[in-house]
């Protein structure tokens, strides 16, 4: 019968294997894509509506169209957003439901933390 140390080593080894088999670089890059105030605003806006034009996104985040476009291209490169063109207008949306869920979880968790901190004060 294995002792506790052997069981711990086996579970640690299994955990390490599971972590290494996943694409850590891709996952951390995706989270870095949301680790900017303007990009998080964009993600939140796109979580609230099916799609927005670059012009509308620039208005929402109170920036130039060039700045909004830069953020949107970066988010697209990371797999967070997708776009479609209609004439000269480019519309962006979140890439899929998984991205929407991540954004909604972050927003929800932040609200819970804020509420907890308010109760502790």
PDB file of N, CA and C in Angstrom:
ATOM      1  N   UNK A   1       0.851  -1.175   0.000  1.00  0.00           N
ATOM      2  CA  UNK A   1       0.000   0.000   0.000  1.00  0.00           C
ATOM      3  C   UNK A   1       0.899   1.242   0.000  1.00  0.00           C
ATOM      4  N   UNK A   2       0.649   2.198  -0.926  1.00  0.00           N
ATOM      5  CA  UNK A   2       1.504   3.388  -0.993  1.00  0.00           C
ATOM      6  C   UNK A   2       1.283   4.292   0.215  1.00  0.00           C
ATOM      7  N   UNK A   3       2.390   4.892   0.642  1.00  0.00           N
ATOM      8  CA  UNK A   3       2.255   5.825   1.771  1.00  0.00           C
ATOM      9  C   UNK A   3       1.834   7.202   1.246  1.00  0.00           C
ATOM     10  N   UNK A   4       1.599   8.125   2.179  1.00  0.00           N
ATOM     11  CA  UNK A   4       1.086   9.454   1.821  1.00  0.00           C
ATOM     12  C   UNK A   4       2.050  10.208   0.908  1.00  0.00           C
ATOM     13  N   UNK A   5       3.360  10.102   1.157  1.00  0.00           N
ATOM     14  CA  UNK A   5       4.345  10.786   0.323  1.00  0.00           C
ATOM     15  C   UNK A   5       4.315  10.268  -1.120  1.00  0.00           C
ATOM     16  N   UNK A   6       4.169   8.966  -1.277  1.00  0.00           N
ATOM     17  CA  UNK A   6       4.115   8.384  -2.628  1.00  0.00           C
ATOM     18  C   UNK A   6       2.862   8.847  -3.360  1.00  0.00           C
ATOM     19  N   UNK A   7       1.730   8.899  -2.643  1.00  0.00           N
ATOM     20  CA  UNK A   7       0.486   9.362  -3.250  1.00  0.00           C
ATOM     21  C   UNK A   7       0.590  10.828  -3.655  1.00  0.00           C
ATOM     22  N   UNK A   8       1.192  11.651  -2.792  1.00  0.00           N
ATOM     23  CA  UNK A   8       1.373  13.067  -3.102  1.00  0.00           C
ATOM     24  C   UNK A   8       2.261  13.230  -4.324  1.00  0.00           C
ATOM     25  N   UNK A   9       3.377  12.501  -4.372  1.00  0.00           N
ATOM     26  CA  UNK A   9       4.287  12.573  -5.515  1.00  0.00           C
ATOM     27  C   UNK A   9       3.574  12.159  -6.799  1.00  0.00           C
ATOM     28  N   UNK A  10       2.741  11.122  -6.734  1.00  0.00           N
ATOM     29  CA  UNK A  10       2.012  10.665  -7.914  1.00  0.00           C
ATOM     30  C   UNK A  10       1.032  11.732  -8.374  1.00  0.00           C
ATOM     31  N   UNK A  11       0.315  12.362  -7.437  1.00  0.00           N
ATOM     32  CA  UNK A  11      -0.654  13.377  -7.832  1.00  0.00           C
ATOM     33  C   UNK A  11       0.054  14.636  -8.323  1.00  0.00           C
ATOM     34  N   UNK A  12       1.187  14.985  -7.717  1.00  0.00           N
ATOM     35  CA  UNK A  12       1.953  16.141  -8.182  1.00  0.00           C
ATOM     36  C   UNK A  12       2.452  15.881  -9.596  1.00  0.00           C
ATOM     37  N   UNK A  13       2.956  14.694  -9.841  1.00  0.00           N
ATOM     38  CA  UNK A  13       3.434  14.331 -11.183  1.00  0.00           C
ATOM     39  C   UNK A  13       2.314  14.406 -12.207  1.00  0.00           C
ATOM     40  N   UNK A  14       1.147  13.905 -11.835  1.00  0.00           N
ATOM     41  CA  UNK A  14      -0.001  13.944 -12.750  1.00  0.00           C
ATOM     42  C   UNK A  14      -0.412  15.395 -13.032  1.00  0.00           C
ATOM     43  N   UNK A  15      -0.444  16.217 -11.990  1.00  0.00           N
ATOM     44  CA  UNK A  15      -0.814  17.634 -12.156  1.00  0.00           C
ATOM     45  C   UNK A  15       0.186  18.326 -13.074  1.00  0.00           C
ATOM     46  N   UNK A  16       1.475  18.093 -12.842  1.00  0.00           N
ATOM     47  CA  UNK A  16       2.499  18.709 -13.698  1.00  0.00           C
ATOM     48  C   UNK A  16       2.329  18.292 -15.150  1.00  0.00           C
ATOM     49  N   UNK A  17       2.034  17.029 -15.365  1.00  0.00           N
ATOM     50  CA  UNK A  17       1.831  16.536 -16.732  1.00  0.00           C
ATOM     51  C   UNK A  17       0.630  17.216 -17.380  1.00  0.00           C
ATOM     52  N   UNK A  18      -0.453  17.370 -16.640  1.00  0.00           N
ATOM     53  CA  UNK A  18      -1.651  18.002 -17.182  1.00  0.00           C
ATOM     54  C   UNK A  18      -1.391  19.455 -17.545  1.00  0.00           C
ATOM     55  N   UNK A  19      -0.665  20.155 -16.694  1.00  0.00           N
ATOM     56  CA  UNK A  19      -0.358  21.561 -16.952  1.00  0.00           C
ATOM     57  C   UNK A  19       0.544  21.695 -18.166  1.00  0.00           C
ATOM     58  N   UNK A  20       1.551  20.862 -18.276  1.00  0.00           N
ATOM     59  CA  UNK A  20       2.489  20.947 -19.391  1.00  0.00           C
ATOM     60  C   UNK A  20       1.840  20.591 -20.723  1.00  0.00           C
ATOM     61  N   UNK A  21       0.818  19.756 -20.687  1.00  0.00           N
ATOM     62  CA  UNK A  21       0.172  19.341 -21.926  1.00  0.00           C
ATOM     63  C   UNK A  21      -0.715  20.437 -22.498  1.00  0.00           C
ATOM     64  N   UNK A  22      -1.067  21.403 -21.711  1.00  0.00           N
ATOM     65  CA  UNK A  22      -1.898  22.499 -22.192  1.00  0.00           C
ATOM     66  C   UNK A  22      -0.997  23.595 -22.748  1.00  0.00           C
ATOM     67  N   UNK A  23      -1.546  24.430 -23.568  1.00  0.00           N
ATOM     68  CA  UNK A  23      -0.773  25.501 -24.182  1.00  0.00           C
ATOM     69  C   UNK A  23      -0.740  26.714 -23.258  1.00  0.00           C
ATOM     70  N   UNK A  24       0.179  26.715 -22.330  1.00  0.00           N
ATOM     71  CA  UNK A  24       0.258  27.785 -21.344  1.00  0.00           C
ATOM     72  C   UNK A  24       0.520  29.139 -21.984  1.00  0.00           C
ATOM     73  N   UNK A  25       1.376  29.169 -22.984  1.00  0.00           N
ATOM     74  CA  UNK A  25       1.680  30.448 -23.632  1.00  0.00           C
ATOM     75  C   UNK A  25       0.434  31.056 -24.260  1.00  0.00           C
ATOM     76  N   UNK A  26      -0.356  30.238 -24.905  1.00  0.00           N
ATOM     77  CA  UNK A  26      -1.570  30.738 -25.549  1.00  0.00           C
ATOM     78  C   UNK A  26      -2.549  31.248 -24.494  1.00  0.00           C
ATOM     79  N   UNK A  27      -2.694  30.482 -23.416  1.00  0.00           N
ATOM     80  CA  UNK A  27      -3.628  30.903 -22.368  1.00  0.00           C
ATOM     81  C   UNK A  27      -3.180  32.195 -21.696  1.00  0.00           C
ATOM     82  N   UNK A  28      -1.893  32.311 -21.392  1.00  0.00           N
ATOM     83  CA  UNK A  28      -1.428  33.532 -20.739  1.00  0.00           C
ATOM     84  C   UNK A  28      -1.513  34.719 -21.687  1.00  0.00           C
ATOM     85  N   UNK A  29      -1.243  34.509 -22.961  1.00  0.00           N
ATOM     86  CA  UNK A  29      -1.376  35.604 -23.929  1.00  0.00           C
ATOM     87  C   UNK A  29      -2.826  36.075 -24.022  1.00  0.00           C
ATOM     88  N   UNK A  30      -3.764  35.127 -24.013  1.00  0.00           N
ATOM     89  CA  UNK A  30      -5.173  35.515 -24.071  1.00  0.00           C
ATOM     90  C   UNK A  30      -5.548  36.362 -22.860  1.00  0.00           C
ATOM     91  N   UNK A  31      -5.090  35.969 -21.689  1.00  0.00           N
ATOM     92  CA  UNK A  31      -5.400  36.750 -20.498  1.00  0.00           C
ATOM     93  C   UNK A  31      -4.695  38.100 -20.519  1.00  0.00           C
ATOM     94  N   UNK A  32      -3.487  38.147 -21.068  1.00  0.00           N
ATOM     95  CA  UNK A  32      -2.798  39.432 -21.221  1.00  0.00           C
ATOM     96  C   UNK A  32      -3.598  40.352 -22.143  1.00  0.00           C
ATOM     97  N   UNK A  33      -4.290  39.756 -23.095  1.00  0.00           N
ATOM     98  CA  UNK A  33      -5.114  40.541 -24.005  1.00  0.00           C
ATOM     99  C   UNK A  33      -6.241  41.267 -23.298  1.00  0.00           C
ATOM    100  N   UNK A  34      -6.626  40.783 -22.149  1.00  0.00           N
ATOM    101  CA  UNK A  34      -7.669  41.441 -21.353  1.00  0.00           C
ATOM    102  C   UNK A  34      -7.082  42.262 -20.210  1.00  0.00           C
ATOM    103  N   UNK A  35      -5.766  42.185 -20.037  1.00  0.00           N
ATOM    104  CA  UNK A  35      -5.106  42.848 -18.915  1.00  0.00           C
ATOM    105  C   UNK A  35      -4.726  44.282 -19.239  1.00  0.00           C
ATOM    106  N   UNK A  36      -5.622  44.974 -19.872  1.00  0.00           N
ATOM    107  CA  UNK A  36      -5.451  46.387 -20.211  1.00  0.00           C
ATOM    108  C   UNK A  36      -6.823  47.027 -20.067  1.00  0.00           C
ATOM    109  N   UNK A  37      -6.865  48.192 -19.455  1.00  0.00           N
ATOM    110  CA  UNK A  37      -8.149  48.836 -19.197  1.00  0.00           C
ATOM    111  C   UNK A  37      -8.997  49.043 -20.437  1.00  0.00           C
ATOM    112  N   UNK A  38      -8.401  49.540 -21.501  1.00  0.00           N
ATOM    113  CA  UNK A  38      -9.157  49.802 -22.732  1.00  0.00           C
ATOM    114  C   UNK A  38      -9.630  48.498 -23.364  1.00  0.00           C
ATOM    115  N   UNK A  39      -8.765  47.493 -23.382  1.00  0.00           N
ATOM    116  CA  UNK A  39      -9.176  46.207 -23.981  1.00  0.00           C
ATOM    117  C   UNK A  39     -10.256  45.532 -23.140  1.00  0.00           C
ATOM    118  N   UNK A  40     -10.198  45.691 -21.817  1.00  0.00           N
ATOM    119  CA  UNK A  40     -11.261  45.128 -20.979  1.00  0.00           C
ATOM    120  C   UNK A  40     -12.565  45.867 -21.227  1.00  0.00           C
ATOM    121  N   UNK A  41     -12.500  47.178 -21.427  1.00  0.00           N
ATOM    122  CA  UNK A  41     -13.711  47.934 -21.767  1.00  0.00           C
ATOM    123  C   UNK A  41     -14.289  47.426 -23.087  1.00  0.00           C
ATOM    124  N   UNK A  42     -13.430  47.198 -24.054  1.00  0.00           N
ATOM    125  CA  UNK A  42     -13.884  46.672 -25.350  1.00  0.00           C
ATOM    126  C   UNK A  42     -14.550  45.320 -25.151  1.00  0.00           C
ATOM    127  N   UNK A  43     -13.899  44.445 -24.398  1.00  0.00           N
ATOM    128  CA  UNK A  43     -14.452  43.107 -24.166  1.00  0.00           C
ATOM    129  C   UNK A  43     -15.796  43.187 -23.462  1.00  0.00           C
ATOM    130  N   UNK A  44     -15.903  44.068 -22.469  1.00  0.00           N
ATOM    131  CA  UNK A  44     -17.178  44.219 -21.767  1.00  0.00           C
ATOM    132  C   UNK A  44     -18.258  44.740 -22.721  1.00  0.00           C
ATOM    133  N   UNK A  45     -17.907  45.718 -23.536  1.00  0.00           N
ATOM    134  CA  UNK A  45     -18.883  46.264 -24.490  1.00  0.00           C
ATOM    135  C   UNK A  45     -19.345  45.186 -25.455  1.00  0.00           C
ATOM    136  N   UNK A  46     -18.408  44.384 -25.940  1.00  0.00           N
ATOM    137  CA  UNK A  46     -18.773  43.336 -26.896  1.00  0.00           C
ATOM    138  C   UNK A  46     -19.521  42.180 -26.219  1.00  0.00           C
ATOM    139  N   UNK A  47     -19.361  42.036 -24.916  1.00  0.00           N
ATOM    140  CA  UNK A  47     -20.126  41.020 -24.185  1.00  0.00           C
ATOM    141  C   UNK A  47     -21.577  41.451 -24.020  1.00  0.00           C
ATOM    142  N   UNK A  48     -21.814  42.759 -24.116  1.00  0.00           N
ATOM    143  CA  UNK A  48     -23.166  43.291 -23.930  1.00  0.00           C
ATOM    144  C   UNK A  48     -23.973  43.389 -25.215  1.00  0.00           C
ATOM    145  N   UNK A  49     -23.323  43.254 -26.352  1.00  0.00           N
ATOM    146  CA  UNK A  49     -24.006  43.408 -27.635  1.00  0.00           C
ATOM    147  C   UNK A  49     -23.380  42.456 -28.650  1.00  0.00           C
ATOM    148  N   UNK A  50     -24.141  42.016 -29.637  1.00  0.00           N
ATOM    149  CA  UNK A  50     -23.590  41.050 -30.592  1.00  0.00           C
ATOM    150  C   UNK A  50     -22.365  41.555 -31.347  1.00  0.00           C
ATOM    151  N   UNK A  51     -22.363  42.837 -31.748  1.00  0.00           N
ATOM    152  CA  UNK A  51     -21.212  43.390 -32.458  1.00  0.00           C
ATOM    153  C   UNK A  51     -21.274  44.910 -32.422  1.00  0.00           C
ATOM    154  N   UNK A  52     -20.115  45.513 -32.632  1.00  0.00           N
ATOM    155  CA  UNK A  52     -20.019  46.965 -32.683  1.00  0.00           C
ATOM    156  C   UNK A  52     -19.028  47.353 -33.774  1.00  0.00           C
ATOM    157  N   UNK A  53     -19.269  48.498 -34.396  1.00  0.00           N
ATOM    158  CA  UNK A  53     -18.314  49.005 -35.378  1.00  0.00           C
ATOM    159  C   UNK A  53     -17.101  49.566 -34.645  1.00  0.00           C
ATOM    160  N   UNK A  54     -16.002  49.673 -35.369  1.00  0.00           N
ATOM    161  CA  UNK A  54     -14.798  50.256 -34.777  1.00  0.00           C
ATOM    162  C   UNK A  54     -15.099  51.670 -34.290  1.00  0.00           C
ATOM    163  N   UNK A  55     -15.861  52.412 -35.061  1.00  0.00           N
ATOM    164  CA  UNK A  55     -16.216  53.785 -34.682  1.00  0.00           C
ATOM    165  C   UNK A  55     -16.973  53.794 -33.352  1.00  0.00           C
ATOM    166  N   UNK A  56     -17.939  52.920 -33.203  1.00  0.00           N
ATOM    167  CA  UNK A  56     -18.711  52.844 -31.953  1.00  0.00           C
ATOM    168  C   UNK A  56     -17.836  52.416 -30.786  1.00  0.00           C
ATOM    169  N   UNK A  57     -16.941  51.477 -31.030  1.00  0.00           N
ATOM    170  CA  UNK A  57     -16.039  51.027 -29.964  1.00  0.00           C
ATOM    171  C   UNK A  57     -15.143  52.176 -29.521  1.00  0.00           C
ATOM    172  N   UNK A  58     -14.647  52.955 -30.479  1.00  0.00           N
ATOM    173  CA  UNK A  58     -13.814  54.113 -30.134  1.00  0.00           C
ATOM    174  C   UNK A  58     -14.594  55.076 -29.240  1.00  0.00           C
ATOM    175  N   UNK A  59     -15.862  55.280 -29.548  1.00  0.00           N
ATOM    176  CA  UNK A  59     -16.693  56.148 -28.709  1.00  0.00           C
ATOM    177  C   UNK A  59     -16.872  55.560 -27.315  1.00  0.00           C
ATOM    178  N   UNK A  60     -17.142  54.273 -27.246  1.00  0.00           N
ATOM    179  CA  UNK A  60     -17.364  53.609 -25.956  1.00  0.00           C
ATOM    180  C   UNK A  60     -16.142  53.726 -25.061  1.00  0.00           C
ATOM    181  N   UNK A  61     -14.950  53.545 -25.623  1.00  0.00           N
ATOM    182  CA  UNK A  61     -13.736  53.571 -24.801  1.00  0.00           C
ATOM    183  C   UNK A  61     -13.106  54.963 -24.761  1.00  0.00           C
ATOM    184  N   UNK A  62     -13.784  55.933 -25.381  1.00  0.00           N
ATOM    185  CA  UNK A  62     -13.323  57.325 -25.376  1.00  0.00           C
ATOM    186  C   UNK A  62     -11.892  57.447 -25.900  1.00  0.00           C
ATOM    187  N   UNK A  63     -11.696  56.929 -27.114  1.00  0.00           N
ATOM    188  CA  UNK A  63     -10.377  56.999 -27.732  1.00  0.00           C
ATOM    189  C   UNK A  63     -10.530  57.273 -29.220  1.00  0.00           C
ATOM    190  N   UNK A  64      -9.408  57.421 -29.891  1.00  0.00           N
ATOM    191  CA  UNK A  64      -9.439  57.616 -31.339  1.00  0.00           C
ATOM    192  C   UNK A  64      -9.767  56.299 -32.029  1.00  0.00           C
ATOM    193  N   UNK A  65     -10.192  56.394 -33.261  1.00  0.00           N
ATOM    194  CA  UNK A  65     -10.463  55.194 -34.053  1.00  0.00           C
ATOM    195  C   UNK A  65      -9.175  54.393 -34.236  1.00  0.00           C
ATOM    196  N   UNK A  66      -8.055  55.092 -34.416  1.00  0.00           N
ATOM    197  CA  UNK A  66      -6.766  54.409 -34.582  1.00  0.00           C
ATOM    198  C   UNK A  66      -6.411  53.592 -33.342  1.00  0.00           C
ATOM    199  N   UNK A  67      -6.632  54.167 -32.164  1.00  0.00           N
ATOM    200  CA  UNK A  67      -6.335  53.452 -30.914  1.00  0.00           C
ATOM    201  C   UNK A  67      -7.258  52.255 -30.751  1.00  0.00           C
ATOM    202  N   UNK A  68      -8.541  52.446 -31.007  1.00  0.00           N
ATOM    203  CA  UNK A  68      -9.496  51.337 -30.912  1.00  0.00           C
ATOM    204  C   UNK A  68      -9.118  50.239 -31.896  1.00  0.00           C
ATOM    205  N   UNK A  69      -8.765  50.610 -33.113  1.00  0.00           N
ATOM    206  CA  UNK A  69      -8.371  49.626 -34.130  1.00  0.00           C
ATOM    207  C   UNK A  69      -7.143  48.841 -33.691  1.00  0.00           C
ATOM    208  N   UNK A  70      -6.188  49.536 -33.109  1.00  0.00           N
ATOM    209  CA  UNK A  70      -4.973  48.867 -32.618  1.00  0.00           C
ATOM    210  C   UNK A  70      -5.336  47.800 -31.577  1.00  0.00           C
ATOM    211  N   UNK A  71      -6.145  48.180 -30.601  1.00  0.00           N
ATOM    212  CA  UNK A  71      -6.560  47.229 -29.560  1.00  0.00           C
ATOM    213  C   UNK A  71      -7.342  46.065 -30.159  1.00  0.00           C
ATOM    214  N   UNK A  72      -8.231  46.360 -31.081  1.00  0.00           N
ATOM    215  CA  UNK A  72      -9.053  45.309 -31.697  1.00  0.00           C
ATOM    216  C   UNK A  72      -8.204  44.339 -32.515  1.00  0.00           C
ATOM    217  N   UNK A  73      -7.230  44.843 -33.240  1.00  0.00           N
ATOM    218  CA  UNK A  73      -6.340  43.956 -34.010  1.00  0.00           C
ATOM    219  C   UNK A  73      -5.551  43.046 -33.072  1.00  0.00           C
ATOM    220  N   UNK A  74      -5.069  43.616 -31.966  1.00  0.00           N
ATOM    221  CA  UNK A  74      -4.328  42.831 -30.983  1.00  0.00           C
ATOM    222  C   UNK A  74      -5.225  41.741 -30.386  1.00  0.00           C
ATOM    223  N   UNK A  75      -6.449  42.108 -30.042  1.00  0.00           N
ATOM    224  CA  UNK A  75      -7.376  41.139 -29.479  1.00  0.00           C
ATOM    225  C   UNK A  75      -7.728  40.061 -30.498  1.00  0.00           C
ATOM    226  N   UNK A  76      -7.835  40.438 -31.753  1.00  0.00           N
ATOM    227  CA  UNK A  76      -8.122  39.472 -32.819  1.00  0.00           C
ATOM    228  C   UNK A  76      -6.961  38.485 -32.963  1.00  0.00           C
ATOM    229  N   UNK A  77      -5.753  39.007 -32.920  1.00  0.00           N
ATOM    230  CA  UNK A  77      -4.558  38.168 -33.034  1.00  0.00           C
ATOM    231  C   UNK A  77      -4.520  37.116 -31.933  1.00  0.00           C
ATOM    232  N   UNK A  78      -5.034  37.461 -30.766  1.00  0.00           N
ATOM    233  CA  UNK A  78      -5.040  36.548 -29.621  1.00  0.00           C
ATOM    234  C   UNK A  78      -6.257  35.623 -29.591  1.00  0.00           C
ATOM    235  N   UNK A  79      -7.153  35.760 -30.556  1.00  0.00           N
ATOM    236  CA  UNK A  79      -8.329  34.897 -30.603  1.00  0.00           C
ATOM    237  C   UNK A  79      -9.468  35.359 -29.718  1.00  0.00           C
ATOM    238  N   UNK A  80      -9.448  36.626 -29.316  1.00  0.00           N
ATOM    239  CA  UNK A  80     -10.509  37.144 -28.454  1.00  0.00           C
ATOM    240  C   UNK A  80     -11.666  37.747 -29.238  1.00  0.00           C
ATOM    241  N   UNK A  81     -11.374  38.288 -30.414  1.00  0.00           N
ATOM    242  CA  UNK A  81     -12.413  38.917 -31.226  1.00  0.00           C
ATOM    243  C   UNK A  81     -12.364  38.395 -32.650  1.00  0.00           C
ATOM    244  N   UNK A  82     -13.450  38.627 -33.358  1.00  0.00           N
ATOM    245  CA  UNK A  82     -13.516  38.363 -34.795  1.00  0.00           C
ATOM    246  C   UNK A  82     -14.154  39.588 -35.435  1.00  0.00           C
ATOM    247  N   UNK A  83     -14.038  39.691 -36.733  1.00  0.00           N
ATOM    248  CA  UNK A  83     -14.601  40.864 -37.393  1.00  0.00           C
ATOM    249  C   UNK A  83     -15.221  40.484 -38.724  1.00  0.00           C
ATOM    250  N   UNK A  84     -16.042  41.398 -39.200  1.00  0.00           N
ATOM    251  CA  UNK A  84     -16.615  41.284 -40.531  1.00  0.00           C
ATOM    252  C   UNK A  84     -16.647  42.686 -41.118  1.00  0.00           C
ATOM    253  N   UNK A  85     -16.549  42.745 -42.435  1.00  0.00           N
ATOM    254  CA  UNK A  85     -16.587  44.032 -43.118  1.00  0.00           C
ATOM    255  C   UNK A  85     -17.888  44.169 -43.872  1.00  0.00           C
ATOM    256  N   UNK A  86     -18.433  45.352 -43.813  1.00  0.00           N
ATOM    257  CA  UNK A  86     -19.634  45.694 -44.574  1.00  0.00           C
ATOM    258  C   UNK A  86     -19.320  47.021 -45.256  1.00  0.00           C
ATOM    259  N   UNK A  87     -18.951  46.955 -46.524  1.00  0.00           N
ATOM    260  CA  UNK A  87     -18.480  48.156 -47.206  1.00  0.00           C
ATOM    261  C   UNK A  87     -17.175  48.592 -46.575  1.00  0.00           C
ATOM    262  N   UNK A  88     -17.137  49.831 -46.141  1.00  0.00           N
ATOM    263  CA  UNK A  88     -15.928  50.358 -45.498  1.00  0.00           C
ATOM    264  C   UNK A  88     -15.982  50.258 -43.977  1.00  0.00           C
ATOM    265  N   UNK A  89     -17.076  49.751 -43.455  1.00  0.00           N
ATOM    266  CA  UNK A  89     -17.245  49.648 -42.005  1.00  0.00           C
ATOM    267  C   UNK A  89     -16.830  48.261 -41.531  1.00  0.00           C
ATOM    268  N   UNK A  90     -16.056  48.237 -40.449  1.00  0.00           N
ATOM    269  CA  UNK A  90     -15.612  46.979 -39.856  1.00  0.00           C
ATOM    270  C   UNK A  90     -16.338  46.807 -38.523  1.00  0.00           C
ATOM    271  N   UNK A  91     -16.948  45.647 -38.371  1.00  0.00           N
ATOM    272  CA  UNK A  91     -17.678  45.315 -37.145  1.00  0.00           C
ATOM    273  C   UNK A  91     -16.923  44.219 -36.399  1.00  0.00           C
ATOM    274  N   UNK A  92     -16.813  44.389 -35.104  1.00  0.00           N
ATOM    275  CA  UNK A  92     -16.149  43.391 -34.263  1.00  0.00           C
ATOM    276  C   UNK A  92     -17.145  42.768 -33.304  1.00  0.00           C
ATOM    277  N   UNK A  93     -16.861  41.517 -32.951  1.00  0.00           N
ATOM    278  CA  UNK A  93     -17.614  40.805 -31.921  1.00  0.00           C
ATOM    279  C   UNK A  93     -16.624  39.920 -31.172  1.00  0.00           C
ATOM    280  N   UNK A  94     -17.048  39.408 -30.025  1.00  0.00           N
ATOM    281  CA  UNK A  94     -16.205  38.457 -29.321  1.00  0.00           C
ATOM    282  C   UNK A  94     -16.104  37.194 -30.167  1.00  0.00           C
ATOM    283  N   UNK A  95     -14.980  36.523 -30.076  1.00  0.00           N
ATOM    284  CA  UNK A  95     -14.729  35.381 -30.953  1.00  0.00           C
ATOM    285  C   UNK A  95     -15.743  34.264 -30.769  1.00  0.00           C
ATOM    286  N   UNK A  96     -16.103  33.970 -29.538  1.00  0.00           N
ATOM    287  CA  UNK A  96     -17.102  32.931 -29.302  1.00  0.00           C
ATOM    288  C   UNK A  96     -17.651  33.046 -27.878  1.00  0.00           C
ATOM    289  N   UNK A  97     -18.505  32.133 -27.533  1.00  0.00           N
ATOM    290  CA  UNK A  97     -19.172  32.166 -26.229  1.00  0.00           C
ATOM    291  C   UNK A  97     -18.181  31.983 -25.081  1.00  0.00           C
ATOM    292  N   UNK A  98     -17.090  31.249 -25.310  1.00  0.00           N
ATOM    293  CA  UNK A  98     -16.096  31.068 -24.253  1.00  0.00           C
ATOM    294  C   UNK A  98     -15.498  32.403 -23.824  1.00  0.00           C
ATOM    295  N   UNK A  99     -15.197  33.248 -24.780  1.00  0.00           N
ATOM    296  CA  UNK A  99     -14.627  34.558 -24.464  1.00  0.00           C
ATOM    297  C   UNK A  99     -15.653  35.381 -23.689  1.00  0.00           C
ATOM    298  N   UNK A 100     -16.893  35.336 -24.116  1.00  0.00           N
ATOM    299  CA  UNK A 100     -17.954  36.063 -23.408  1.00  0.00           C
ATOM    300  C   UNK A 100     -18.045  35.571 -21.957  1.00  0.00           C
ATOM    301  N   UNK A 101     -17.976  34.270 -21.757  1.00  0.00           N
ATOM    302  CA  UNK A 101     -18.059  33.717 -20.409  1.00  0.00           C
ATOM    303  C   UNK A 101     -16.890  34.161 -19.542  1.00  0.00           C
ATOM    304  N   UNK A 102     -15.686  34.198 -20.115  1.00  0.00           N
ATOM    305  CA  UNK A 102     -14.517  34.663 -19.360  1.00  0.00           C
ATOM    306  C   UNK A 102     -14.728  36.105 -18.921  1.00  0.00           C
ATOM    307  N   UNK A 103     -15.168  36.951 -19.841  1.00  0.00           N
ATOM    308  CA  UNK A 103     -15.400  38.362 -19.523  1.00  0.00           C
ATOM    309  C   UNK A 103     -16.466  38.488 -18.443  1.00  0.00           C
ATOM    310  N   UNK A 104     -17.556  37.770 -18.593  1.00  0.00           N
ATOM    311  CA  UNK A 104     -18.640  37.841 -17.610  1.00  0.00           C
ATOM    312  C   UNK A 104     -18.187  37.330 -16.245  1.00  0.00           C
ATOM    313  N   UNK A 105     -17.358  36.281 -16.223  1.00  0.00           N
ATOM    314  CA  UNK A 105     -16.834  35.773 -14.953  1.00  0.00           C
ATOM    315  C   UNK A 105     -15.935  36.799 -14.268  1.00  0.00           C
ATOM    316  N   UNK A 106     -15.089  37.459 -15.032  1.00  0.00           N
ATOM    317  CA  UNK A 106     -14.204  38.476 -14.464  1.00  0.00           C
ATOM    318  C   UNK A 106     -15.033  39.616 -13.874  1.00  0.00           C
ATOM    319  N   UNK A 107     -16.024  40.073 -14.615  1.00  0.00           N
ATOM    320  CA  UNK A 107     -16.880  41.165 -14.140  1.00  0.00           C
ATOM    321  C   UNK A 107     -17.622  40.741 -12.879  1.00  0.00           C
ATOM    322  N   UNK A 108     -18.173  39.540 -12.885  1.00  0.00           N
ATOM    323  CA  UNK A 108     -18.911  39.027 -11.737  1.00  0.00           C
ATOM    324  C   UNK A 108     -17.997  38.876 -10.520  1.00  0.00           C
ATOM    325  N   UNK A 109     -16.818  38.333 -10.740  1.00  0.00           N
ATOM    326  CA  UNK A 109     -15.881  38.131  -9.634  1.00  0.00           C
ATOM    327  C   UNK A 109     -15.442  39.468  -9.047  1.00  0.00           C
ATOM    328  N   UNK A 110     -15.187  40.437  -9.904  1.00  0.00           N
ATOM    329  CA  UNK A 110     -14.787  41.767  -9.442  1.00  0.00           C
ATOM    330  C   UNK A 110     -15.886  42.378  -8.579  1.00  0.00           C
ATOM    331  N   UNK A 111     -17.146  42.204  -8.985  1.00  0.00           N
ATOM    332  CA  UNK A 111     -18.268  42.742  -8.211  1.00  0.00           C
ATOM    333  C   UNK A 111     -18.355  42.063  -6.840  1.00  0.00           C
ATOM    334  N   UNK A 112     -18.107  40.755  -6.788  1.00  0.00           N
ATOM    335  CA  UNK A 112     -18.118  40.032  -5.518  1.00  0.00           C
ATOM    336  C   UNK A 112     -17.011  40.516  -4.598  1.00  0.00           C
ATOM    337  N   UNK A 113     -15.826  40.729  -5.165  1.00  0.00           N
ATOM    338  CA  UNK A 113     -14.706  41.220  -4.355  1.00  0.00           C
ATOM    339  C   UNK A 113     -15.033  42.595  -3.793  1.00  0.00           C
ATOM    340  N   UNK A 114     -15.575  43.451  -4.644  1.00  0.00           N
ATOM    341  CA  UNK A 114     -15.924  44.802  -4.207  1.00  0.00           C
ATOM    342  C   UNK A 114     -16.964  44.750  -3.085  1.00  0.00           C
ATOM    343  N   UNK A 115     -17.938  43.871  -3.229  1.00  0.00           N
ATOM    344  CA  UNK A 115     -18.982  43.727  -2.198  1.00  0.00           C
ATOM    345  C   UNK A 115     -18.386  43.220  -0.895  1.00  0.00           C
ATOM    346  N   UNK A 116     -17.512  42.230  -0.976  1.00  0.00           N
ATOM    347  CA  UNK A 116     -16.858  41.678   0.225  1.00  0.00           C
ATOM    348  C   UNK A 116     -16.028  42.741   0.930  1.00  0.00           C
ATOM    349  N   UNK A 117     -15.282  43.510   0.142  1.00  0.00           N
ATOM    350  CA  UNK A 117     -14.449  44.560   0.723  1.00  0.00           C
ATOM    351  C   UNK A 117     -15.303  45.626   1.387  1.00  0.00           C
ATOM    352  N   UNK A 118     -16.469  45.906   0.830  1.00  0.00           N
ATOM    353  CA  UNK A 118     -17.381  46.874   1.425  1.00  0.00           C
ATOM    354  C   UNK A 118     -17.888  46.386   2.768  1.00  0.00           C
ATOM    355  N   UNK A 119     -18.117  45.086   2.902  1.00  0.00           N
ATOM    356  CA  UNK A 119     -18.590  44.518   4.165  1.00  0.00           C
ATOM    357  C   UNK A 119     -17.494  44.474   5.219  1.00  0.00           C
ATOM    358  N   UNK A 120     -16.245  44.344   4.773  1.00  0.00           N
ATOM    359  CA  UNK A 120     -15.120  44.275   5.715  1.00  0.00           C
ATOM    360  C   UNK A 120     -14.737  45.639   6.245  1.00  0.00           C
ATOM    361  N   UNK A 121     -15.081  46.688   5.505  1.00  0.00           N
ATOM    362  CA  UNK A 121     -14.678  48.051   5.897  1.00  0.00           C
ATOM    363  C   UNK A 121     -15.458  48.568   7.066  1.00  0.00           C
TER     364      UNK A 121
END
